[in-house]
PDB file of N, CA and C in Angstrom:
ATOM      1  N   UNK A   1       0.974  -1.245   0.114  1.00  0.00           N
ATOM      2  CA  UNK A   1       0.155  -0.009  -0.069  1.00  0.00           C
ATOM      3  C   UNK A   1       0.726   1.051   0.109  1.00  0.00           C
ATOM      4  N   UNK A   2       0.750   2.300  -0.703  1.00  0.00           N
ATOM      5  CA  UNK A   2       1.360   3.550  -1.044  1.00  0.00           C
ATOM      6  C   UNK A   2       1.096   4.043   0.180  1.00  0.00           C
ATOM      7  N   UNK A   3       1.982   5.047   0.790  1.00  0.00           N
ATOM      8  CA  UNK A   3       2.120   6.100   1.918  1.00  0.00           C
ATOM      9  C   UNK A   3       1.571   7.284   0.981  1.00  0.00           C
ATOM     10  N   UNK A   4       0.329   7.524   1.381  1.00  0.00           N
ATOM     11  CA  UNK A   4      -0.332   9.199   0.734  1.00  0.00           C
ATOM     12  C   UNK A   4       0.071  10.109   2.099  1.00  0.00           C
ATOM     13  N   UNK A   5       0.484  11.415   1.669  1.00  0.00           N
ATOM     14  CA  UNK A   5       0.842  12.653   2.138  1.00  0.00           C
ATOM     15  C   UNK A   5      -0.090  13.360   2.171  1.00  0.00           C
ATOM     16  N   UNK A   6      -0.802  13.716   2.930  1.00  0.00           N
ATOM     17  CA  UNK A   6      -1.932  15.069   2.682  1.00  0.00           C
ATOM     18  C   UNK A   6      -1.476  15.972   3.842  1.00  0.00           C
ATOM     19  N   UNK A   7      -1.673  17.615   3.236  1.00  0.00           N
ATOM     20  CA  UNK A   7      -1.244  18.742   3.735  1.00  0.00           C
ATOM     21  C   UNK A   7      -1.928  18.584   5.157  1.00  0.00           C
ATOM     22  N   UNK A   8      -1.889  19.069   5.816  1.00  0.00           N
ATOM     23  CA  UNK A   8      -2.755  19.743   7.336  1.00  0.00           C
ATOM     24  C   UNK A   8      -2.188  21.094   7.451  1.00  0.00           C
ATOM     25  N   UNK A   9      -2.995  21.660   8.273  1.00  0.00           N
ATOM     26  CA  UNK A   9      -2.524  22.753   9.192  1.00  0.00           C
ATOM     27  C   UNK A   9      -1.149  22.554  10.003  1.00  0.00           C
ATOM     28  N   UNK A  10      -1.279  21.349  10.726  1.00  0.00           N
ATOM     29  CA  UNK A  10       0.036  21.580  11.390  1.00  0.00           C
ATOM     30  C   UNK A  10       1.148  21.228  10.722  1.00  0.00           C
ATOM     31  N   UNK A  11       1.386  20.402   9.698  1.00  0.00           N
ATOM     32  CA  UNK A  11       2.588  20.151   8.982  1.00  0.00           C
ATOM     33  C   UNK A  11       3.039  21.261   8.057  1.00  0.00           C
ATOM     34  N   UNK A  12       1.660  21.764   7.200  1.00  0.00           N
ATOM     35  CA  UNK A  12       1.949  22.904   6.083  1.00  0.00           C
ATOM     36  C   UNK A  12       1.793  23.818   5.756  1.00  0.00           C
ATOM     37  N   UNK A  13       2.375  25.039   5.443  1.00  0.00           N
ATOM     38  CA  UNK A  13       1.930  26.415   5.002  1.00  0.00           C
ATOM     39  C   UNK A  13       0.585  25.442   3.925  1.00  0.00           C
ATOM     40  N   UNK A  14      -0.542  26.254   4.402  1.00  0.00           N
ATOM     41  CA  UNK A  14      -1.623  26.326   3.599  1.00  0.00           C
ATOM     42  C   UNK A  14      -2.170  27.643   3.500  1.00  0.00           C
ATOM     43  N   UNK A  15      -2.357  28.139   2.038  1.00  0.00           N
ATOM     44  CA  UNK A  15      -2.670  29.450   1.991  1.00  0.00           C
ATOM     45  C   UNK A  15      -4.157  29.595   2.561  1.00  0.00           C
ATOM     46  N   UNK A  16      -4.273  30.907   2.991  1.00  0.00           N
ATOM     47  CA  UNK A  16      -5.452  31.307   3.333  1.00  0.00           C
ATOM     48  C   UNK A  16      -6.802  31.644   1.976  1.00  0.00           C
ATOM     49  N   UNK A  17      -7.843  30.842   1.939  1.00  0.00           N
ATOM     50  CA  UNK A  17      -8.788  31.212   0.808  1.00  0.00           C
ATOM     51  C   UNK A  17      -9.408  32.266   0.964  1.00  0.00           C
ATOM     52  N   UNK A  18     -10.269  32.296   2.329  1.00  0.00           N
ATOM     53  CA  UNK A  18     -11.141  33.239   2.546  1.00  0.00           C
ATOM     54  C   UNK A  18     -11.013  33.850   3.919  1.00  0.00           C
ATOM     55  N   UNK A  19     -11.676  35.012   4.148  1.00  0.00           N
ATOM     56  CA  UNK A  19     -11.281  35.256   5.416  1.00  0.00           C
ATOM     57  C   UNK A  19     -13.000  36.180   5.798  1.00  0.00           C
ATOM     58  N   UNK A  20     -13.494  35.929   7.316  1.00  0.00           N
ATOM     59  CA  UNK A  20     -14.915  36.390   7.325  1.00  0.00           C
ATOM     60  C   UNK A  20     -14.504  37.512   8.520  1.00  0.00           C
ATOM     61  N   UNK A  21     -15.348  38.122   8.673  1.00  0.00           N
ATOM     62  CA  UNK A  21     -15.059  39.963   9.514  1.00  0.00           C
ATOM     63  C   UNK A  21     -16.551  39.981   9.913  1.00  0.00           C
ATOM     64  N   UNK A  22     -16.707  41.359  10.776  1.00  0.00           N
ATOM     65  CA  UNK A  22     -17.417  42.182  10.566  1.00  0.00           C
ATOM     66  C   UNK A  22     -17.639  43.558  10.351  1.00  0.00           C
ATOM     67  N   UNK A  23     -18.722  44.277  10.205  1.00  0.00           N
ATOM     68  CA  UNK A  23     -18.610  45.798   9.547  1.00  0.00           C
ATOM     69  C   UNK A  23     -19.413  46.213  10.562  1.00  0.00           C
ATOM     70  N   UNK A  24     -19.348  47.494  11.510  1.00  0.00           N
ATOM     71  CA  UNK A  24     -20.304  47.932  11.938  1.00  0.00           C
ATOM     72  C   UNK A  24     -21.364  48.932  11.294  1.00  0.00           C
ATOM     73  N   UNK A  25     -21.243  49.438  10.230  1.00  0.00           N
ATOM     74  CA  UNK A  25     -21.799  50.660   9.829  1.00  0.00           C
ATOM     75  C   UNK A  25     -21.615  50.513   8.322  1.00  0.00           C
ATOM     76  N   UNK A  26     -22.873  50.075   7.708  1.00  0.00           N
ATOM     77  CA  UNK A  26     -24.123  49.639   7.990  1.00  0.00           C
ATOM     78  C   UNK A  26     -23.414  48.014   8.411  1.00  0.00           C
ATOM     79  N   UNK A  27     -24.654  47.719   9.617  1.00  0.00           N
ATOM     80  CA  UNK A  27     -24.359  46.196   9.903  1.00  0.00           C
ATOM     81  C   UNK A  27     -23.898  45.240   8.718  1.00  0.00           C
ATOM     82  N   UNK A  28     -23.149  44.518   8.915  1.00  0.00           N
ATOM     83  CA  UNK A  28     -22.939  43.363   7.562  1.00  0.00           C
ATOM     84  C   UNK A  28     -21.494  42.346   8.125  1.00  0.00           C
ATOM     85  N   UNK A  29     -21.779  41.453   7.396  1.00  0.00           N
ATOM     86  CA  UNK A  29     -20.715  40.248   7.880  1.00  0.00           C
ATOM     87  C   UNK A  29     -19.868  40.693   6.123  1.00  0.00           C
ATOM     88  N   UNK A  30     -18.378  40.416   6.726  1.00  0.00           N
ATOM     89  CA  UNK A  30     -17.465  40.865   5.411  1.00  0.00           C
ATOM     90  C   UNK A  30     -16.792  39.366   5.416  1.00  0.00           C
ATOM     91  N   UNK A  31     -17.354  39.241   3.586  1.00  0.00           N
ATOM     92  CA  UNK A  31     -16.507  37.805   3.574  1.00  0.00           C
ATOM     93  C   UNK A  31     -15.077  38.809   2.181  1.00  0.00           C
ATOM     94  N   UNK A  32     -14.404  37.649   2.788  1.00  0.00           N
ATOM     95  CA  UNK A  32     -12.937  38.080   1.536  1.00  0.00           C
ATOM     96  C   UNK A  32     -12.427  36.654   1.305  1.00  0.00           C
ATOM     97  N   UNK A  33     -12.224  36.752  -0.220  1.00  0.00           N
ATOM     98  CA  UNK A  33     -11.881  35.415  -1.172  1.00  0.00           C
ATOM     99  C   UNK A  33     -10.765  36.252  -1.729  1.00  0.00           C
ATOM    100  N   UNK A  34      -9.577  34.978  -1.382  1.00  0.00           N
ATOM    101  CA  UNK A  34      -8.894  35.406  -2.147  1.00  0.00           C
ATOM    102  C   UNK A  34      -8.578  35.111  -3.726  1.00  0.00           C
ATOM    103  N   UNK A  35      -8.170  35.810  -4.643  1.00  0.00           N
ATOM    104  CA  UNK A  35      -8.203  35.959  -5.884  1.00  0.00           C
ATOM    105  C   UNK A  35      -7.841  34.954  -6.642  1.00  0.00           C
ATOM    106  N   UNK A  36      -6.933  33.781  -5.769  1.00  0.00           N
ATOM    107  CA  UNK A  36      -6.284  32.783  -6.363  1.00  0.00           C
ATOM    108  C   UNK A  36      -7.526  31.770  -6.831  1.00  0.00           C
ATOM    109  N   UNK A  37      -7.993  31.968  -5.468  1.00  0.00           N
ATOM    110  CA  UNK A  37      -9.141  30.981  -5.579  1.00  0.00           C
ATOM    111  C   UNK A  37     -10.451  30.789  -6.496  1.00  0.00           C
ATOM    112  N   UNK A  38     -10.905  32.656  -6.486  1.00  0.00           N
ATOM    113  CA  UNK A  38     -11.819  32.935  -7.843  1.00  0.00           C
ATOM    114  C   UNK A  38     -11.635  32.485  -9.039  1.00  0.00           C
ATOM    115  N   UNK A  39      -9.770  32.308  -9.143  1.00  0.00           N
ATOM    116  CA  UNK A  39      -9.581  32.150 -10.615  1.00  0.00           C
ATOM    117  C   UNK A  39      -9.650  31.079 -10.806  1.00  0.00           C
ATOM    118  N   UNK A  40      -9.229  29.571 -10.129  1.00  0.00           N
ATOM    119  CA  UNK A  40      -9.732  28.460 -10.507  1.00  0.00           C
ATOM    120  C   UNK A  40     -11.042  27.827  -9.989  1.00  0.00           C
ATOM    121  N   UNK A  41     -11.892  28.564  -9.484  1.00  0.00           N
ATOM    122  CA  UNK A  41     -13.547  28.439  -9.181  1.00  0.00           C
ATOM    123  C   UNK A  41     -14.201  29.173  -9.767  1.00  0.00           C
ATOM    124  N   UNK A  42     -14.267  29.561 -10.596  1.00  0.00           N
ATOM    125  CA  UNK A  42     -15.318  30.924 -11.480  1.00  0.00           C
ATOM    126  C   UNK A  42     -16.805  30.489 -11.062  1.00  0.00           C
ATOM    127  N   UNK A  43     -16.772  28.875 -10.961  1.00  0.00           N
ATOM    128  CA  UNK A  43     -18.863  29.268 -11.192  1.00  0.00           C
ATOM    129  C   UNK A  43     -18.664  28.250  -9.837  1.00  0.00           C
ATOM    130  N   UNK A  44     -19.235  28.670  -9.003  1.00  0.00           N
ATOM    131  CA  UNK A  44     -19.889  28.074  -7.145  1.00  0.00           C
ATOM    132  C   UNK A  44     -20.842  26.762  -7.413  1.00  0.00           C
ATOM    133  N   UNK A  45     -21.947  27.811  -8.322  1.00  0.00           N
ATOM    134  CA  UNK A  45     -22.748  26.761  -8.387  1.00  0.00           C
ATOM    135  C   UNK A  45     -24.049  27.067  -9.448  1.00  0.00           C
ATOM    136  N   UNK A  46     -24.331  26.109 -10.620  1.00  0.00           N
ATOM    137  CA  UNK A  46     -25.234  26.435 -11.628  1.00  0.00           C
ATOM    138  C   UNK A  46     -26.884  26.762 -11.067  1.00  0.00           C
ATOM    139  N   UNK A  47     -26.803  27.844 -11.654  1.00  0.00           N
ATOM    140  CA  UNK A  47     -28.721  28.503 -11.108  1.00  0.00           C
ATOM    141  C   UNK A  47     -29.298  27.434 -11.953  1.00  0.00           C
ATOM    142  N   UNK A  48     -29.264  26.439 -12.400  1.00  0.00           N
ATOM    143  CA  UNK A  48     -30.376  25.614 -13.115  1.00  0.00           C
ATOM    144  C   UNK A  48     -30.447  24.101 -12.113  1.00  0.00           C
ATOM    145  N   UNK A  49     -29.171  23.999 -10.885  1.00  0.00           N
ATOM    146  CA  UNK A  49     -29.452  22.858 -10.844  1.00  0.00           C
ATOM    147  C   UNK A  49     -30.675  22.965  -9.483  1.00  0.00           C
ATOM    148  N   UNK A  50     -31.289  21.748  -9.624  1.00  0.00           N
ATOM    149  CA  UNK A  50     -32.321  21.790  -8.910  1.00  0.00           C
ATOM    150  C   UNK A  50     -32.682  22.019  -7.341  1.00  0.00           C
ATOM    151  N   UNK A  51     -31.454  22.000  -6.869  1.00  0.00           N
ATOM    152  CA  UNK A  51     -31.242  22.721  -5.379  1.00  0.00           C
ATOM    153  C   UNK A  51     -31.588  24.215  -5.378  1.00  0.00           C
ATOM    154  N   UNK A  52     -31.001  24.632  -6.149  1.00  0.00           N
ATOM    155  CA  UNK A  52     -30.943  26.012  -6.443  1.00  0.00           C
ATOM    156  C   UNK A  52     -31.994  26.213  -6.922  1.00  0.00           C
ATOM    157  N   UNK A  53     -33.137  25.482  -7.998  1.00  0.00           N
ATOM    158  CA  UNK A  53     -34.232  26.264  -8.244  1.00  0.00           C
ATOM    159  C   UNK A  53     -35.363  25.745  -6.964  1.00  0.00           C
ATOM    160  N   UNK A  54     -34.913  24.851  -6.904  1.00  0.00           N
ATOM    161  CA  UNK A  54     -36.090  24.871  -5.460  1.00  0.00           C
ATOM    162  C   UNK A  54     -36.168  25.314  -3.946  1.00  0.00           C
ATOM    163  N   UNK A  55     -34.985  26.449  -4.099  1.00  0.00           N
ATOM    164  CA  UNK A  55     -34.616  27.247  -2.900  1.00  0.00           C
ATOM    165  C   UNK A  55     -35.269  28.971  -3.460  1.00  0.00           C
ATOM    166  N   UNK A  56     -34.940  28.925  -4.796  1.00  0.00           N
ATOM    167  CA  UNK A  56     -35.892  30.065  -5.272  1.00  0.00           C
ATOM    168  C   UNK A  56     -37.198  29.838  -4.976  1.00  0.00           C
ATOM    169  N   UNK A  57     -37.904  28.605  -5.542  1.00  0.00           N
ATOM    170  CA  UNK A  57     -39.393  28.631  -5.247  1.00  0.00           C
ATOM    171  C   UNK A  57     -39.656  28.616  -3.913  1.00  0.00           C
ATOM    172  N   UNK A  58     -39.184  27.915  -3.214  1.00  0.00           N
ATOM    173  CA  UNK A  58     -39.613  27.785  -1.670  1.00  0.00           C
ATOM    174  C   UNK A  58     -39.495  29.438  -0.456  1.00  0.00           C
ATOM    175  N   UNK A  59     -37.819  29.798  -1.263  1.00  0.00           N
ATOM    176  CA  UNK A  59     -37.793  31.176  -0.252  1.00  0.00           C
ATOM    177  C   UNK A  59     -38.406  32.378  -1.336  1.00  0.00           C
ATOM    178  N   UNK A  60     -38.883  32.649  -2.464  1.00  0.00           N
ATOM    179  CA  UNK A  60     -39.318  33.395  -3.409  1.00  0.00           C
ATOM    180  C   UNK A  60     -38.275  34.028  -3.586  1.00  0.00           C
ATOM    181  N   UNK A  61     -36.840  33.873  -4.251  1.00  0.00           N
ATOM    182  CA  UNK A  61     -35.922  34.167  -4.759  1.00  0.00           C
ATOM    183  C   UNK A  61     -35.999  34.648  -6.194  1.00  0.00           C
ATOM    184  N   UNK A  62     -35.696  36.059  -6.567  1.00  0.00           N
ATOM    185  CA  UNK A  62     -35.953  35.910  -8.184  1.00  0.00           C
ATOM    186  C   UNK A  62     -34.658  35.586  -8.891  1.00  0.00           C
ATOM    187  N   UNK A  63     -33.380  35.613  -8.419  1.00  0.00           N
ATOM    188  CA  UNK A  63     -32.817  34.820  -9.203  1.00  0.00           C
ATOM    189  C   UNK A  63     -31.364  34.569  -8.345  1.00  0.00           C
ATOM    190  N   UNK A  64     -30.670  33.630  -8.962  1.00  0.00           N
ATOM    191  CA  UNK A  64     -29.010  33.557  -8.662  1.00  0.00           C
ATOM    192  C   UNK A  64     -27.798  33.641  -9.187  1.00  0.00           C
ATOM    193  N   UNK A  65     -26.421  34.064  -8.630  1.00  0.00           N
ATOM    194  CA  UNK A  65     -25.546  34.202  -9.698  1.00  0.00           C
ATOM    195  C   UNK A  65     -24.603  33.185  -8.739  1.00  0.00           C
ATOM    196  N   UNK A  66     -23.928  32.273  -9.143  1.00  0.00           N
ATOM    197  CA  UNK A  66     -23.036  30.967  -8.550  1.00  0.00           C
ATOM    198  C   UNK A  66     -21.502  31.718  -9.258  1.00  0.00           C
ATOM    199  N   UNK A  67     -21.495  33.273  -9.795  1.00  0.00           N
ATOM    200  CA  UNK A  67     -20.157  33.452 -10.128  1.00  0.00           C
ATOM    201  C   UNK A  67     -19.414  34.097  -9.417  1.00  0.00           C
ATOM    202  N   UNK A  68     -18.160  34.110  -8.810  1.00  0.00           N
ATOM    203  CA  UNK A  68     -17.867  35.128  -7.851  1.00  0.00           C
ATOM    204  C   UNK A  68     -16.831  36.594  -8.176  1.00  0.00           C
ATOM    205  N   UNK A  69     -17.454  36.627  -9.310  1.00  0.00           N
ATOM    206  CA  UNK A  69     -16.190  38.093 -10.046  1.00  0.00           C
ATOM    207  C   UNK A  69     -17.246  38.950  -9.624  1.00  0.00           C
ATOM    208  N   UNK A  70     -18.767  39.010  -9.251  1.00  0.00           N
ATOM    209  CA  UNK A  70     -19.751  40.061  -9.263  1.00  0.00           C
ATOM    210  C   UNK A  70     -20.355  39.898  -7.861  1.00  0.00           C
ATOM    211  N   UNK A  71     -21.383  40.793  -7.843  1.00  0.00           N
ATOM    212  CA  UNK A  71     -22.221  39.983  -6.808  1.00  0.00           C
ATOM    213  C   UNK A  71     -22.735  38.691  -6.807  1.00  0.00           C
ATOM    214  N   UNK A  72     -22.537  37.857  -5.979  1.00  0.00           N
ATOM    215  CA  UNK A  72     -23.521  36.483  -6.039  1.00  0.00           C
ATOM    216  C   UNK A  72     -24.512  36.270  -5.083  1.00  0.00           C
ATOM    217  N   UNK A  73     -25.002  34.653  -5.453  1.00  0.00           N
ATOM    218  CA  UNK A  73     -26.057  34.094  -4.253  1.00  0.00           C
ATOM    219  C   UNK A  73     -27.154  34.538  -4.834  1.00  0.00           C
ATOM    220  N   UNK A  74     -28.268  34.480  -3.794  1.00  0.00           N
ATOM    221  CA  UNK A  74     -29.295  34.801  -4.183  1.00  0.00           C
ATOM    222  C   UNK A  74     -30.058  35.618  -4.036  1.00  0.00           C
ATOM    223  N   UNK A  75     -30.813  36.455  -5.124  1.00  0.00           N
ATOM    224  CA  UNK A  75     -30.805  38.326  -5.401  1.00  0.00           C
ATOM    225  C   UNK A  75     -29.642  38.809  -4.919  1.00  0.00           C
ATOM    226  N   UNK A  76     -28.110  38.640  -5.185  1.00  0.00           N
ATOM    227  CA  UNK A  76     -27.261  39.402  -4.798  1.00  0.00           C
ATOM    228  C   UNK A  76     -27.296  39.609  -3.511  1.00  0.00           C
ATOM    229  N   UNK A  77     -27.176  38.660  -2.521  1.00  0.00           N
ATOM    230  CA  UNK A  77     -26.733  38.636  -1.309  1.00  0.00           C
ATOM    231  C   UNK A  77     -25.415  39.175  -1.010  1.00  0.00           C
ATOM    232  N   UNK A  78     -24.826  38.632  -1.631  1.00  0.00           N
ATOM    233  CA  UNK A  78     -23.163  39.204  -1.311  1.00  0.00           C
ATOM    234  C   UNK A  78     -22.485  40.053  -2.284  1.00  0.00           C
ATOM    235  N   UNK A  79     -22.497  41.547  -1.617  1.00  0.00           N
ATOM    236  CA  UNK A  79     -22.578  42.445  -2.491  1.00  0.00           C
ATOM    237  C   UNK A  79     -20.980  42.614  -2.985  1.00  0.00           C
ATOM    238  N   UNK A  80     -20.622  42.745  -3.920  1.00  0.00           N
ATOM    239  CA  UNK A  80     -19.065  42.978  -4.699  1.00  0.00           C
ATOM    240  C   UNK A  80     -18.706  44.359  -4.146  1.00  0.00           C
ATOM    241  N   UNK A  81     -17.743  44.583  -3.185  1.00  0.00           N
ATOM    242  CA  UNK A  81     -16.910  45.508  -2.987  1.00  0.00           C
ATOM    243  C   UNK A  81     -15.367  45.908  -3.460  1.00  0.00           C
ATOM    244  N   UNK A  82     -14.790  45.102  -3.876  1.00  0.00           N
ATOM    245  CA  UNK A  82     -14.136  45.101  -5.020  1.00  0.00           C
ATOM    246  C   UNK A  82     -12.800  44.510  -4.649  1.00  0.00           C
ATOM    247  N   UNK A  83     -11.396  44.733  -4.800  1.00  0.00           N
ATOM    248  CA  UNK A  83     -10.406  43.984  -4.610  1.00  0.00           C
ATOM    249  C   UNK A  83      -9.237  44.658  -3.809  1.00  0.00           C
ATOM    250  N   UNK A  84      -8.833  44.093  -2.885  1.00  0.00           N
ATOM    251  CA  UNK A  84      -8.043  44.525  -1.802  1.00  0.00           C
ATOM    252  C   UNK A  84      -6.885  43.269  -1.464  1.00  0.00           C
ATOM    253  N   UNK A  85      -5.126  44.247  -1.622  1.00  0.00           N
ATOM    254  CA  UNK A  85      -4.259  43.226  -1.198  1.00  0.00           C
ATOM    255  C   UNK A  85      -4.433  41.599  -1.487  1.00  0.00           C
ATOM    256  N   UNK A  86      -4.914  41.176  -2.753  1.00  0.00           N
ATOM    257  CA  UNK A  86      -5.296  39.979  -2.981  1.00  0.00           C
ATOM    258  C   UNK A  86      -6.722  39.133  -2.890  1.00  0.00           C
ATOM    259  N   UNK A  87      -7.238  39.489  -2.334  1.00  0.00           N
ATOM    260  CA  UNK A  87      -8.911  39.317  -2.027  1.00  0.00           C
ATOM    261  C   UNK A  87      -9.568  40.025  -2.474  1.00  0.00           C
ATOM    262  N   UNK A  88     -10.651  39.123  -2.768  1.00  0.00           N
ATOM    263  CA  UNK A  88     -11.722  40.135  -3.574  1.00  0.00           C
ATOM    264  C   UNK A  88     -12.724  40.297  -2.471  1.00  0.00           C
ATOM    265  N   UNK A  89     -13.348  41.208  -1.990  1.00  0.00           N
ATOM    266  CA  UNK A  89     -14.559  41.389  -1.032  1.00  0.00           C
ATOM    267  C   UNK A  89     -15.810  41.751  -1.301  1.00  0.00           C
ATOM    268  N   UNK A  90     -16.944  41.079  -0.617  1.00  0.00           N
ATOM    269  CA  UNK A  90     -18.174  41.262  -0.713  1.00  0.00           C
ATOM    270  C   UNK A  90     -18.792  41.427   1.127  1.00  0.00           C
ATOM    271  N   UNK A  91     -19.610  42.163   1.172  1.00  0.00           N
ATOM    272  CA  UNK A  91     -20.478  42.417   2.388  1.00  0.00           C
ATOM    273  C   UNK A  91     -21.758  41.564   1.854  1.00  0.00           C
ATOM    274  N   UNK A  92     -22.106  41.218   3.150  1.00  0.00           N
ATOM    275  CA  UNK A  92     -23.954  40.482   3.329  1.00  0.00           C
ATOM    276  C   UNK A  92     -24.232  41.770   4.293  1.00  0.00           C
ATOM    277  N   UNK A  93     -25.224  42.061   3.988  1.00  0.00           N
ATOM    278  CA  UNK A  93     -25.763  43.232   4.474  1.00  0.00           C
ATOM    279  C   UNK A  93     -26.938  42.413   5.550  1.00  0.00           C
ATOM    280  N   UNK A  94     -27.112  43.037   6.771  1.00  0.00           N
ATOM    281  CA  UNK A  94     -27.751  42.605   7.820  1.00  0.00           C
ATOM    282  C   UNK A  94     -29.108  42.973   7.890  1.00  0.00           C
ATOM    283  N   UNK A  95     -29.982  42.194   8.029  1.00  0.00           N
ATOM    284  CA  UNK A  95     -31.745  43.014   7.737  1.00  0.00           C
ATOM    285  C   UNK A  95     -31.591  42.807   9.044  1.00  0.00           C
ATOM    286  N   UNK A  96     -32.456  44.194   9.358  1.00  0.00           N
ATOM    287  CA  UNK A  96     -33.071  44.670  10.378  1.00  0.00           C
ATOM    288  C   UNK A  96     -34.186  43.830  11.151  1.00  0.00           C
ATOM    289  N   UNK A  97     -33.659  42.876  12.679  1.00  0.00           N
ATOM    290  CA  UNK A  97     -34.855  41.961  12.926  1.00  0.00           C
ATOM    291  C   UNK A  97     -35.569  42.409  14.277  1.00  0.00           C
ATOM    292  N   UNK A  98     -35.314  43.871  14.849  1.00  0.00           N
ATOM    293  CA  UNK A  98     -36.249  44.208  15.988  1.00  0.00           C
ATOM    294  C   UNK A  98     -36.194  45.677  15.073  1.00  0.00           C
ATOM    295  N   UNK A  99     -37.519  46.203  15.018  1.00  0.00           N
ATOM    296  CA  UNK A  99     -38.235  47.258  14.695  1.00  0.00           C
ATOM    297  C   UNK A  99     -39.389  47.761  15.550  1.00  0.00           C
ATOM    298  N   UNK A 100     -38.952  48.612  15.836  1.00  0.00           N
ATOM    299  CA  UNK A 100     -39.728  49.626  16.793  1.00  0.00           C
ATOM    300  C   UNK A 100     -41.096  50.661  16.279  1.00  0.00           C
ATOM    301  N   UNK A 101     -42.547  49.885  16.280  1.00  0.00           N
ATOM    302  CA  UNK A 101     -43.701  50.357  16.105  1.00  0.00           C
ATOM    303  C   UNK A 101     -44.262  51.142  16.503  1.00  0.00           C
ATOM    304  N   UNK A 102     -43.689  51.323  17.969  1.00  0.00           N
ATOM    305  CA  UNK A 102     -44.676  52.066  18.651  1.00  0.00           C
ATOM    306  C   UNK A 102     -45.850  51.699  19.299  1.00  0.00           C
ATOM    307  N   UNK A 103     -46.660  50.257  18.884  1.00  0.00           N
ATOM    308  CA  UNK A 103     -47.122  49.909  19.567  1.00  0.00           C
ATOM    309  C   UNK A 103     -47.107  48.853  20.218  1.00  0.00           C
ATOM    310  N   UNK A 104     -48.233  48.719  21.245  1.00  0.00           N
ATOM    311  CA  UNK A 104     -47.929  47.734  22.633  1.00  0.00           C
ATOM    312  C   UNK A 104     -48.198  46.265  22.149  1.00  0.00           C
ATOM    313  N   UNK A 105     -47.104  45.510  23.119  1.00  0.00           N
ATOM    314  CA  UNK A 105     -46.991  43.827  22.374  1.00  0.00           C
ATOM    315  C   UNK A 105     -48.295  43.164  22.798  1.00  0.00           C
ATOM    316  N   UNK A 106     -48.837  42.259  22.182  1.00  0.00           N
ATOM    317  CA  UNK A 106     -49.996  41.654  22.517  1.00  0.00           C
ATOM    318  C   UNK A 106     -49.919  40.715  23.038  1.00  0.00           C
ATOM    319  N   UNK A 107     -48.486  40.206  23.280  1.00  0.00           N
ATOM    320  CA  UNK A 107     -48.534  39.385  24.602  1.00  0.00           C
ATOM    321  C   UNK A 107     -48.298  39.774  26.063  1.00  0.00           C
ATOM    322  N   UNK A 108     -47.814  40.844  26.198  1.00  0.00           N
ATOM    323  CA  UNK A 108     -47.772  41.568  27.361  1.00  0.00           C
ATOM    324  C   UNK A 108     -48.241  42.784  27.572  1.00  0.00           C
ATOM    325  N   UNK A 109     -48.713  42.923  26.680  1.00  0.00           N
ATOM    326  CA  UNK A 109     -49.891  44.348  26.929  1.00  0.00           C
ATOM    327  C   UNK A 109     -48.505  45.589  27.005  1.00  0.00           C
ATOM    328  N   UNK A 110     -47.345  45.301  26.811  1.00  0.00           N
ATOM    329  CA  UNK A 110     -46.287  46.422  27.090  1.00  0.00           C
ATOM    330  C   UNK A 110     -45.770  46.438  28.703  1.00  0.00           C
ATOM    331  N   UNK A 111     -46.050  45.614  29.168  1.00  0.00           N
ATOM    332  CA  UNK A 111     -45.583  45.210  30.800  1.00  0.00           C
ATOM    333  C   UNK A 111     -44.412  44.721  30.505  1.00  0.00           C
ATOM    334  N   UNK A 112     -43.728  44.009  29.749  1.00  0.00           N
ATOM    335  CA  UNK A 112     -42.554  43.606  29.402  1.00  0.00           C
ATOM    336  C   UNK A 112     -42.306  42.317  30.405  1.00  0.00           C
ATOM    337  N   UNK A 113     -43.417  41.342  30.938  1.00  0.00           N
ATOM    338  CA  UNK A 113     -43.612  40.249  31.158  1.00  0.00           C
ATOM    339  C   UNK A 113     -44.596  39.273  30.483  1.00  0.00           C
ATOM    340  N   UNK A 114     -44.163  38.121  30.290  1.00  0.00           N
ATOM    341  CA  UNK A 114     -45.571  37.159  29.994  1.00  0.00           C
ATOM    342  C   UNK A 114     -46.785  37.471  30.457  1.00  0.00           C
ATOM    343  N   UNK A 115     -47.598  36.659  30.056  1.00  0.00           N
ATOM    344  CA  UNK A 115     -48.915  36.497  30.472  1.00  0.00           C
ATOM    345  C   UNK A 115     -48.806  35.305  31.313  1.00  0.00           C
ATOM    346  N   UNK A 116     -49.497  34.869  32.326  1.00  0.00           N
ATOM    347  CA  UNK A 116     -49.670  33.754  32.645  1.00  0.00           C
ATOM    348  C   UNK A 116     -49.878  32.307  32.132  1.00  0.00           C
ATOM    349  N   UNK A 117     -49.036  31.521  31.883  1.00  0.00           N
ATOM    350  CA  UNK A 117     -49.499  30.868  31.454  1.00  0.00           C
ATOM    351  C   UNK A 117     -50.573  29.535  31.633  1.00  0.00           C
ATOM    352  N   UNK A 118     -50.447  29.811  33.316  1.00  0.00           N
ATOM    353  CA  UNK A 118     -50.931  28.639  33.814  1.00  0.00           C
ATOM    354  C   UNK A 118     -50.249  27.328  34.341  1.00  0.00           C
ATOM    355  N   UNK A 119     -49.117  27.390  34.166  1.00  0.00           N
ATOM    356  CA  UNK A 119     -48.078  26.786  35.204  1.00  0.00           C
ATOM    357  C   UNK A 119     -47.032  27.422  36.125  1.00  0.00           C
ATOM    358  N   UNK A 120     -47.127  26.401  36.984  1.00  0.00           N
ATOM    359  CA  UNK A 120     -46.138  27.268  38.178  1.00  0.00           C
ATOM    360  C   UNK A 120     -44.742  26.569  37.853  1.00  0.00           C
ATOM    361  N   UNK A 121     -43.849  27.231  38.587  1.00  0.00           N
ATOM    362  CA  UNK A 121     -42.493  27.127  38.107  1.00  0.00           C
ATOM    363  C   UNK A 121     -42.058  26.001  39.489  1.00  0.00           C
TER     364      UNK A 121
END
């Protein structure tokens, strides 16, 4: 049996292909992908794949782009920001999940406490 050698982080220098970070304003996840990775893997996923079509239908996405050379993902979720230090940068903008409406909560009626569920602790 041949002895196969695999690269590992412990024994070998493995190049950084991507980095994930945070941007505060506007709130977003910052994804940086090394340009060598993009050059060798230009198509992440074919928009005609059944899984892509299924997700589009299930969640109501209008389009999908798997090409890493611009905006990509469902409905351009990964916004191309340009190149910097051998990396291509993308922003994934975070939606507001808490929105002030000025209305009282229907569950606690503005008291900040849950209604009595009838169970005792």
